[in-house]
Amino acid sequence: MKYFISSLLLLTMAMSSIASPKGYSIQTIETPPDVLFHITGLDTDKDGNMYCATRYGDVWVYKVQNKTWHKFAEGLHEPCGLLIENDGSLVVTQKPEMTRLIDSNKDGKADLYIP
């Protein structure tokens, strides 16, 4: 299932009046409170959890099962996109480089940043 953060789309009102293609739906997901959330990269993992890179250098995860957000990584330099690999790592493009983010201890936060 594809998830769209309609609160971040410029044409949310126009899109809500258009029928979604079969198999898709538009859902509003509230972003974390008091966080500047300018999305620059978006991907979903095999469980449907949504990973979002923000212009301010963070990567957030939206857990679909319990509908909560948590910060996966921080300190990146203006991320421009992200991709979840089959091994569970994330590749993030940022201004100076591409960086692989790995949660090696499985605590929900990236602890290895490999250029």
N, C-alpha and C. Protein backbone atom coordinates (compact mmCIF):
# COMPACT_ATOMS: atom_id res chain seq x y z
N MET A 1 0.83 -1.18 0.00
CA MET A 1 0.00 0.00 0.00
C MET A 1 0.88 1.24 0.00
N LYS A 2 0.58 2.18 -0.84
CA LYS A 2 1.35 3.42 -0.92
C LYS A 2 0.75 4.45 0.03
N TYR A 3 1.61 5.16 0.69
CA TYR A 3 1.17 6.19 1.62
C TYR A 3 1.58 7.55 1.10
N PHE A 4 0.70 8.50 1.16
CA PHE A 4 0.98 9.85 0.73
C PHE A 4 0.70 10.78 1.90
N ILE A 5 1.59 11.70 2.12
CA ILE A 5 1.36 12.67 3.18
C ILE A 5 0.69 13.87 2.52
N SER A 6 -0.62 13.86 2.56
CA SER A 6 -1.38 14.86 1.83
C SER A 6 -1.20 16.26 2.40
N SER A 7 -0.82 16.35 3.69
CA SER A 7 -0.63 17.68 4.26
C SER A 7 0.57 18.37 3.65
N LEU A 8 1.46 17.62 2.98
CA LEU A 8 2.64 18.21 2.37
C LEU A 8 2.49 18.43 0.88
N LEU A 9 1.41 18.03 0.31
CA LEU A 9 1.19 18.21 -1.12
C LEU A 9 0.56 19.57 -1.38
N LEU A 10 1.06 20.24 -2.40
CA LEU A 10 0.52 21.56 -2.72
C LEU A 10 -0.91 21.47 -3.22
N LEU A 11 -1.24 20.37 -3.86
CA LEU A 11 -2.56 20.27 -4.48
C LEU A 11 -3.47 19.31 -3.73
N THR A 12 -3.39 19.32 -2.43
CA THR A 12 -4.18 18.39 -1.64
C THR A 12 -5.67 18.54 -1.92
N MET A 13 -6.13 19.75 -1.93
CA MET A 13 -7.57 19.95 -2.14
C MET A 13 -7.99 19.49 -3.52
N ALA A 14 -7.19 19.77 -4.52
CA ALA A 14 -7.53 19.35 -5.88
C ALA A 14 -7.49 17.84 -6.00
N MET A 15 -6.50 17.23 -5.36
CA MET A 15 -6.37 15.78 -5.47
C MET A 15 -7.50 15.05 -4.73
N SER A 16 -8.00 15.64 -3.65
CA SER A 16 -9.05 14.96 -2.90
C SER A 16 -10.33 14.83 -3.71
N SER A 17 -10.49 15.69 -4.71
CA SER A 17 -11.69 15.60 -5.53
C SER A 17 -11.52 14.64 -6.72
N ILE A 18 -10.28 14.17 -6.94
CA ILE A 18 -10.01 13.24 -8.04
C ILE A 18 -10.04 11.82 -7.50
N ALA A 19 -10.67 10.93 -8.21
CA ALA A 19 -10.73 9.54 -7.78
C ALA A 19 -9.33 8.93 -7.85
N SER A 20 -8.97 8.17 -6.82
CA SER A 20 -7.67 7.49 -6.80
C SER A 20 -7.71 6.28 -7.70
N PRO A 21 -6.57 5.94 -8.32
CA PRO A 21 -6.52 4.72 -9.12
C PRO A 21 -6.84 3.50 -8.25
N LYS A 22 -7.37 2.49 -8.86
CA LYS A 22 -7.73 1.27 -8.14
C LYS A 22 -6.50 0.73 -7.39
N GLY A 23 -6.67 0.42 -6.12
CA GLY A 23 -5.58 -0.12 -5.31
C GLY A 23 -4.83 0.94 -4.52
N TYR A 24 -5.11 2.22 -4.74
CA TYR A 24 -4.44 3.31 -4.04
C TYR A 24 -5.46 4.08 -3.23
N SER A 25 -4.97 4.71 -2.18
CA SER A 25 -5.82 5.61 -1.42
C SER A 25 -4.98 6.76 -0.92
N ILE A 26 -5.61 7.90 -0.70
CA ILE A 26 -4.93 9.06 -0.15
C ILE A 26 -5.26 9.10 1.33
N GLN A 27 -4.21 9.16 2.15
CA GLN A 27 -4.39 9.20 3.59
C GLN A 27 -3.62 10.39 4.15
N THR A 28 -4.21 11.06 5.11
CA THR A 28 -3.53 12.14 5.79
C THR A 28 -2.82 11.56 7.01
N ILE A 29 -1.52 11.81 7.08
CA ILE A 29 -0.72 11.35 8.22
C ILE A 29 -0.13 12.59 8.87
N GLU A 30 -0.46 12.82 10.12
CA GLU A 30 0.07 13.97 10.84
C GLU A 30 1.57 13.79 11.03
N THR A 31 2.33 14.85 10.76
CA THR A 31 3.78 14.80 10.96
C THR A 31 4.09 15.03 12.44
N PRO A 32 5.32 14.72 12.86
CA PRO A 32 5.66 14.93 14.28
C PRO A 32 5.46 16.38 14.68
N PRO A 33 4.90 16.61 15.86
CA PRO A 33 4.66 17.99 16.29
C PRO A 33 5.97 18.74 16.51
N ASP A 34 5.95 20.03 16.21
CA ASP A 34 7.08 20.93 16.44
C ASP A 34 8.34 20.53 15.68
N VAL A 35 8.20 19.86 14.54
CA VAL A 35 9.33 19.47 13.71
C VAL A 35 9.14 20.09 12.33
N LEU A 36 10.19 20.77 11.83
CA LEU A 36 10.15 21.27 10.46
C LEU A 36 10.27 20.06 9.55
N PHE A 37 9.25 19.78 8.77
CA PHE A 37 9.15 18.52 8.07
C PHE A 37 9.03 18.74 6.57
N HIS A 38 10.09 19.25 5.96
CA HIS A 38 10.12 19.44 4.51
C HIS A 38 10.71 18.18 3.89
N ILE A 39 9.88 17.33 3.34
CA ILE A 39 10.32 16.03 2.83
C ILE A 39 11.12 16.19 1.54
N THR A 40 12.30 15.54 1.52
CA THR A 40 13.14 15.56 0.33
C THR A 40 13.40 14.15 -0.19
N GLY A 41 12.99 13.15 0.54
CA GLY A 41 13.14 11.76 0.12
C GLY A 41 12.11 10.91 0.83
N LEU A 42 11.62 9.88 0.14
CA LEU A 42 10.54 9.06 0.70
C LEU A 42 10.63 7.66 0.13
N ASP A 43 10.52 6.66 1.00
CA ASP A 43 10.47 5.26 0.56
C ASP A 43 9.78 4.45 1.64
N THR A 44 9.26 3.29 1.26
CA THR A 44 8.63 2.40 2.23
C THR A 44 9.38 1.08 2.25
N ASP A 45 9.42 0.46 3.44
CA ASP A 45 10.08 -0.84 3.55
C ASP A 45 9.09 -1.96 3.28
N LYS A 46 9.55 -3.19 3.40
CA LYS A 46 8.70 -4.35 3.07
C LYS A 46 7.51 -4.49 4.00
N ASP A 47 7.57 -3.87 5.19
CA ASP A 47 6.46 -3.92 6.14
C ASP A 47 5.50 -2.75 5.99
N GLY A 48 5.79 -1.86 5.05
CA GLY A 48 4.93 -0.71 4.82
C GLY A 48 5.29 0.51 5.64
N ASN A 49 6.36 0.43 6.46
CA ASN A 49 6.80 1.59 7.23
C ASN A 49 7.40 2.61 6.27
N MET A 50 7.16 3.89 6.55
CA MET A 50 7.57 4.95 5.65
C MET A 50 8.79 5.68 6.22
N TYR A 51 9.82 5.81 5.39
CA TYR A 51 11.03 6.55 5.76
C TYR A 51 11.03 7.86 5.01
N CYS A 52 11.26 8.97 5.72
CA CYS A 52 11.25 10.30 5.12
C CYS A 52 12.52 11.03 5.47
N ALA A 53 13.25 11.51 4.46
CA ALA A 53 14.38 12.41 4.68
C ALA A 53 13.83 13.83 4.64
N THR A 54 14.36 14.67 5.52
CA THR A 54 13.92 16.06 5.53
C THR A 54 15.08 16.97 5.13
N ARG A 55 14.73 18.12 4.63
CA ARG A 55 15.73 19.09 4.17
C ARG A 55 16.65 19.52 5.30
N TYR A 56 16.21 19.39 6.53
CA TYR A 56 16.99 19.83 7.68
C TYR A 56 17.94 18.76 8.22
N GLY A 57 18.09 17.64 7.50
CA GLY A 57 19.12 16.68 7.84
C GLY A 57 18.71 15.48 8.66
N ASP A 58 17.42 15.26 8.80
CA ASP A 58 16.94 14.11 9.58
C ASP A 58 16.30 13.07 8.67
N VAL A 59 16.26 11.84 9.16
CA VAL A 59 15.47 10.78 8.52
C VAL A 59 14.51 10.28 9.59
N TRP A 60 13.23 10.34 9.28
CA TRP A 60 12.17 9.92 10.19
C TRP A 60 11.53 8.64 9.67
N VAL A 61 11.01 7.83 10.58
CA VAL A 61 10.30 6.60 10.23
C VAL A 61 8.90 6.69 10.80
N TYR A 62 7.92 6.41 9.93
CA TYR A 62 6.53 6.30 10.37
C TYR A 62 6.19 4.83 10.43
N LYS A 63 5.94 4.33 11.64
CA LYS A 63 5.59 2.93 11.85
C LYS A 63 4.09 2.77 11.62
N VAL A 64 3.75 2.02 10.60
CA VAL A 64 2.36 1.86 10.20
C VAL A 64 1.54 1.14 11.26
N GLN A 65 2.14 0.14 11.88
CA GLN A 65 1.39 -0.69 12.82
C GLN A 65 0.85 0.11 14.02
N ASN A 66 1.69 0.97 14.60
CA ASN A 66 1.21 1.73 15.76
C ASN A 66 1.06 3.22 15.47
N LYS A 67 1.22 3.61 14.21
CA LYS A 67 0.99 4.99 13.74
C LYS A 67 1.81 6.01 14.54
N THR A 68 3.11 5.74 14.67
CA THR A 68 3.99 6.65 15.40
C THR A 68 5.22 6.99 14.56
N TRP A 69 5.81 8.12 14.87
CA TRP A 69 7.03 8.59 14.23
C TRP A 69 8.21 8.43 15.18
N HIS A 70 9.39 8.12 14.66
CA HIS A 70 10.62 8.26 15.45
C HIS A 70 11.76 8.63 14.51
N LYS A 71 12.75 9.32 15.08
CA LYS A 71 13.88 9.78 14.28
C LYS A 71 14.85 8.62 14.11
N PHE A 72 15.18 8.31 12.84
CA PHE A 72 16.10 7.23 12.51
C PHE A 72 17.54 7.73 12.38
N ALA A 73 17.73 8.94 11.85
CA ALA A 73 19.07 9.50 11.66
C ALA A 73 18.98 11.01 11.71
N GLU A 74 20.13 11.64 12.00
CA GLU A 74 20.19 13.10 12.04
C GLU A 74 21.59 13.55 11.66
N GLY A 75 21.71 14.84 11.39
CA GLY A 75 23.02 15.41 11.10
C GLY A 75 23.45 15.32 9.65
N LEU A 76 22.54 14.97 8.75
CA LEU A 76 22.88 14.92 7.33
C LEU A 76 22.85 16.33 6.75
N HIS A 77 23.52 16.53 5.62
CA HIS A 77 23.61 17.85 5.01
C HIS A 77 22.65 17.95 3.84
N GLU A 78 21.46 18.45 4.10
CA GLU A 78 20.41 18.63 3.11
C GLU A 78 20.20 17.39 2.24
N PRO A 79 19.64 16.34 2.82
CA PRO A 79 19.36 15.13 2.02
C PRO A 79 18.50 15.46 0.81
N CYS A 80 18.77 14.75 -0.29
CA CYS A 80 18.04 15.00 -1.54
C CYS A 80 17.22 13.79 -1.98
N GLY A 81 17.29 12.69 -1.26
CA GLY A 81 16.55 11.49 -1.61
C GLY A 81 17.03 10.33 -0.78
N LEU A 82 16.24 9.26 -0.76
CA LEU A 82 16.66 8.06 -0.04
C LEU A 82 16.06 6.83 -0.69
N LEU A 83 16.73 5.70 -0.44
CA LEU A 83 16.32 4.42 -0.98
C LEU A 83 16.56 3.36 0.08
N ILE A 84 15.57 2.52 0.34
CA ILE A 84 15.75 1.42 1.27
C ILE A 84 16.24 0.21 0.49
N GLU A 85 17.37 -0.33 0.91
CA GLU A 85 17.95 -1.50 0.27
C GLU A 85 17.31 -2.77 0.82
N ASN A 86 17.48 -3.89 0.12
CA ASN A 86 16.92 -5.17 0.55
C ASN A 86 17.47 -5.63 1.90
N ASP A 87 18.69 -5.21 2.24
CA ASP A 87 19.28 -5.61 3.52
C ASP A 87 18.81 -4.75 4.70
N GLY A 88 17.93 -3.78 4.44
CA GLY A 88 17.39 -2.92 5.49
C GLY A 88 18.15 -1.62 5.68
N SER A 89 19.30 -1.48 5.03
CA SER A 89 20.03 -0.22 5.14
C SER A 89 19.37 0.82 4.23
N LEU A 90 19.67 2.08 4.48
CA LEU A 90 19.17 3.18 3.65
C LEU A 90 20.33 3.84 2.95
N VAL A 91 20.13 4.20 1.71
CA VAL A 91 21.10 5.02 0.99
C VAL A 91 20.47 6.39 0.85
N VAL A 92 21.18 7.40 1.36
CA VAL A 92 20.69 8.77 1.33
C VAL A 92 21.64 9.60 0.49
N THR A 93 21.10 10.34 -0.47
CA THR A 93 21.93 11.31 -1.17
C THR A 93 21.84 12.61 -0.39
N GLN A 94 22.99 13.20 -0.16
CA GLN A 94 23.04 14.50 0.51
C GLN A 94 24.04 15.37 -0.23
N LYS A 95 24.09 16.65 0.10
CA LYS A 95 24.91 17.59 -0.68
C LYS A 95 26.33 17.07 -0.95
N PRO A 96 27.09 16.61 0.05
CA PRO A 96 28.47 16.24 -0.25
C PRO A 96 28.68 14.82 -0.75
N GLU A 97 27.71 13.92 -0.55
CA GLU A 97 27.98 12.51 -0.86
C GLU A 97 26.70 11.67 -0.80
N MET A 98 26.86 10.41 -1.16
CA MET A 98 25.83 9.40 -0.88
C MET A 98 26.28 8.69 0.39
N THR A 99 25.35 8.44 1.30
CA THR A 99 25.69 7.84 2.58
C THR A 99 24.78 6.65 2.84
N ARG A 100 25.37 5.55 3.27
CA ARG A 100 24.59 4.38 3.67
C ARG A 100 24.37 4.47 5.17
N LEU A 101 23.09 4.40 5.59
CA LEU A 101 22.73 4.43 7.00
C LEU A 101 22.37 3.01 7.44
N ILE A 102 23.00 2.55 8.51
CA ILE A 102 22.78 1.19 9.00
C ILE A 102 22.45 1.22 10.48
N ASP A 103 21.44 0.49 10.85
CA ASP A 103 21.09 0.28 12.25
C ASP A 103 21.67 -1.07 12.66
N SER A 104 22.95 -1.09 13.01
CA SER A 104 23.65 -2.36 13.26
C SER A 104 23.22 -3.04 14.56
N ASN A 105 22.77 -2.27 15.54
CA ASN A 105 22.36 -2.89 16.81
C ASN A 105 20.84 -3.05 16.93
N LYS A 106 20.13 -2.75 15.86
CA LYS A 106 18.67 -2.97 15.76
C LYS A 106 17.86 -2.26 16.85
N ASP A 107 18.29 -1.02 17.19
CA ASP A 107 17.55 -0.25 18.20
C ASP A 107 16.62 0.78 17.58
N GLY A 108 16.53 0.80 16.23
CA GLY A 108 15.64 1.73 15.56
C GLY A 108 16.29 3.03 15.14
N LYS A 109 17.60 3.18 15.40
CA LYS A 109 18.32 4.37 15.00
C LYS A 109 19.59 3.99 14.26
N ALA A 110 19.90 4.75 13.22
CA ALA A 110 21.12 4.50 12.46
C ALA A 110 22.32 4.78 13.36
N ASP A 111 23.25 3.83 13.42
CA ASP A 111 24.47 4.05 14.19
C ASP A 111 25.72 3.98 13.32
N LEU A 112 25.57 3.62 12.07
CA LEU A 112 26.68 3.64 11.12
C LEU A 112 26.29 4.52 9.93
N TYR A 113 27.15 5.50 9.65
CA TYR A 113 26.98 6.39 8.51
C TYR A 113 28.19 6.15 7.62
N ILE A 114 28.01 5.42 6.51
CA ILE A 114 29.13 5.05 5.67
C ILE A 114 29.07 5.82 4.34
N PRO A 115 30.10 6.67 4.09
CA PRO A 115 30.11 7.42 2.82
C PRO A 115 30.35 6.52 1.63
